[in-house]
Amino acid sequence: MTDVFELAKKYHSELGIKEPSFATLAAELFGELGLSVMNHLREEGYTLKGTRFLDYEKSLVLEIVKENKNYEILLRKL
């Protein structure tokens, strides 16, 4: 299992979450799930446009693009 701070660094570098506290929060909430989802989407030809938190607690939005279509993937911890 990867250390939460190592995961936070990956959320920062791979998903572009700039604020260290939010990158750490994402790592704590979602572990490797967010990174795995985005890796799969990249393999399918999608590009990450941006990330944001909806409620600063449980929901991370991945904004992705493929060709000329925009999508949002919502990761929410229940």
C-alpha atoms as a PDB file:
ATOM      1  CA  MET A   1       0.000   0.000   0.000  1.00  0.00           C
ATOM      2  CA  THR A   2       1.293   3.425  -0.959  1.00  0.00           C
ATOM      3  CA  ASP A   3       1.865   6.110   1.670  1.00  0.00           C
ATOM      4  CA  VAL A   4      -0.805   8.859   1.666  1.00  0.00           C
ATOM      5  CA  PHE A   5       1.827  11.540   1.068  1.00  0.00           C
ATOM      6  CA  GLU A   6       3.214   9.668  -1.936  1.00  0.00           C
ATOM      7  CA  LEU A   7      -0.320   9.397  -3.277  1.00  0.00           C
ATOM      8  CA  ALA A   8      -0.847  13.121  -2.624  1.00  0.00           C
ATOM      9  CA  LYS A   9       2.221  13.868  -4.740  1.00  0.00           C
ATOM     10  CA  LYS A  10       0.736  11.768  -7.546  1.00  0.00           C
ATOM     11  CA  TYR A  11      -2.611  13.561  -7.266  1.00  0.00           C
ATOM     12  CA  HIS A  12      -0.651  16.797  -7.558  1.00  0.00           C
ATOM     13  CA  SER A  13       1.520  15.780 -10.510  1.00  0.00           C
ATOM     14  CA  GLU A  14      -0.833  13.466 -12.420  1.00  0.00           C
ATOM     15  CA  LEU A  15      -4.209  15.092 -11.751  1.00  0.00           C
ATOM     16  CA  GLY A  16      -3.058  18.674 -11.315  1.00  0.00           C
ATOM     17  CA  ILE A  17      -4.467  19.259  -7.833  1.00  0.00           C
ATOM     18  CA  LYS A  18      -2.329  22.257  -6.956  1.00  0.00           C
ATOM     19  CA  GLU A  19      -3.259  22.880  -3.326  1.00  0.00           C
ATOM     20  CA  PRO A  20      -1.274  20.424  -1.151  1.00  0.00           C
ATOM     21  CA  SER A  21      -4.074  20.049   1.385  1.00  0.00           C
ATOM     22  CA  PHE A  22      -6.567  19.117  -1.358  1.00  0.00           C
ATOM     23  CA  ALA A  23      -4.115  16.656  -2.914  1.00  0.00           C
ATOM     24  CA  THR A  24      -3.714  15.043   0.509  1.00  0.00           C
ATOM     25  CA  LEU A  25      -7.477  15.021   1.023  1.00  0.00           C
ATOM     26  CA  ALA A  26      -7.972  13.314  -2.342  1.00  0.00           C
ATOM     27  CA  ALA A  27      -5.328  10.727  -1.436  1.00  0.00           C
ATOM     28  CA  GLU A  28      -6.983  10.049   1.916  1.00  0.00           C
ATOM     29  CA  LEU A  29     -10.497   9.797   0.470  1.00  0.00           C
ATOM     30  CA  PHE A  30      -9.868   7.902  -2.746  1.00  0.00           C
ATOM     31  CA  GLY A  31      -6.496   6.180  -2.371  1.00  0.00           C
ATOM     32  CA  GLU A  32      -5.350   4.986  -5.773  1.00  0.00           C
ATOM     33  CA  LEU A  33      -8.879   5.000  -7.247  1.00  0.00           C
ATOM     34  CA  GLY A  34      -8.716   8.492  -8.775  1.00  0.00           C
ATOM     35  CA  LEU A  35      -5.321   7.787 -10.285  1.00  0.00           C
ATOM     36  CA  SER A  36      -6.447   4.419 -11.656  1.00  0.00           C
ATOM     37  CA  VAL A  37      -9.590   5.911 -13.182  1.00  0.00           C
ATOM     38  CA  MET A  38      -7.602   8.652 -14.899  1.00  0.00           C
ATOM     39  CA  ASN A  39      -4.955   6.186 -16.159  1.00  0.00           C
ATOM     40  CA  HIS A  40      -7.711   4.074 -17.715  1.00  0.00           C
ATOM     41  CA  LEU A  41      -9.319   7.125 -19.308  1.00  0.00           C
ATOM     42  CA  ARG A  42      -5.975   8.213 -20.776  1.00  0.00           C
ATOM     43  CA  GLU A  43      -5.568   4.759 -22.303  1.00  0.00           C
ATOM     44  CA  GLU A  44      -9.000   5.249 -23.903  1.00  0.00           C
ATOM     45  CA  GLY A  45      -7.925   8.566 -25.445  1.00  0.00           C
ATOM     46  CA  TYR A  46      -9.318  11.044 -22.925  1.00  0.00           C
ATOM     47  CA  THR A  47      -7.382  14.087 -21.747  1.00  0.00           C
ATOM     48  CA  LEU A  48      -7.632  15.615 -18.293  1.00  0.00           C
ATOM     49  CA  LYS A  49      -8.845  19.200 -18.535  1.00  0.00           C
ATOM     50  CA  GLY A  50      -9.046  19.931 -14.809  1.00  0.00           C
ATOM     51  CA  THR A  51     -10.039  18.811 -11.336  1.00  0.00           C
ATOM     52  CA  ARG A  52     -12.078  20.399  -8.582  1.00  0.00           C
ATOM     53  CA  PHE A  53     -13.769  19.559  -5.315  1.00  0.00           C
ATOM     54  CA  LEU A  54     -17.517  20.069  -5.118  1.00  0.00           C
ATOM     55  CA  ASP A  55     -18.109  20.153  -1.402  1.00  0.00           C
ATOM     56  CA  TYR A  56     -14.542  20.256  -0.058  1.00  0.00           C
ATOM     57  CA  GLU A  57     -15.218  17.027   1.732  1.00  0.00           C
ATOM     58  CA  LYS A  58     -16.290  14.062  -0.331  1.00  0.00           C
ATOM     59  CA  SER A  59     -16.529  14.807  -4.056  1.00  0.00           C
ATOM     60  CA  LEU A  60     -13.737  15.162  -6.593  1.00  0.00           C
ATOM     61  CA  VAL A  61     -14.654  16.048 -10.183  1.00  0.00           C
ATOM     62  CA  LEU A  62     -12.398  15.007 -13.058  1.00  0.00           C
ATOM     63  CA  GLU A  63     -13.054  17.197 -16.099  1.00  0.00           C
ATOM     64  CA  ILE A  64     -12.060  15.245 -19.203  1.00  0.00           C
ATOM     65  CA  VAL A  65     -12.110  15.784 -22.968  1.00  0.00           C
ATOM     66  CA  LYS A  66     -12.142  13.439 -25.932  1.00  0.00           C
ATOM     67  CA  GLU A  67     -12.178  14.914 -29.405  1.00  0.00           C
ATOM     68  CA  ASN A  68     -14.585  17.854 -29.067  1.00  0.00           C
ATOM     69  CA  LYS A  69     -16.696  16.434 -26.235  1.00  0.00           C
ATOM     70  CA  ASN A  70     -16.374  17.419 -22.569  1.00  0.00           C
ATOM     71  CA  TYR A  71     -17.278  15.143 -19.669  1.00  0.00           C
ATOM     72  CA  GLU A  72     -17.179  15.231 -15.885  1.00  0.00           C
ATOM     73  CA  ILE A  73     -16.512  12.172 -13.764  1.00  0.00           C
ATOM     74  CA  LEU A  74     -17.577  12.511 -10.133  1.00  0.00           C
ATOM     75  CA  LEU A  75     -15.756  10.545  -7.456  1.00  0.00           C
ATOM     76  CA  ARG A  76     -17.695  10.655  -4.208  1.00  0.00           C
ATOM     77  CA  LYS A  77     -16.948   8.919  -0.951  1.00  0.00           C
ATOM     78  CA  LEU A  78     -20.130   7.701   0.697  1.00  0.00           C
END
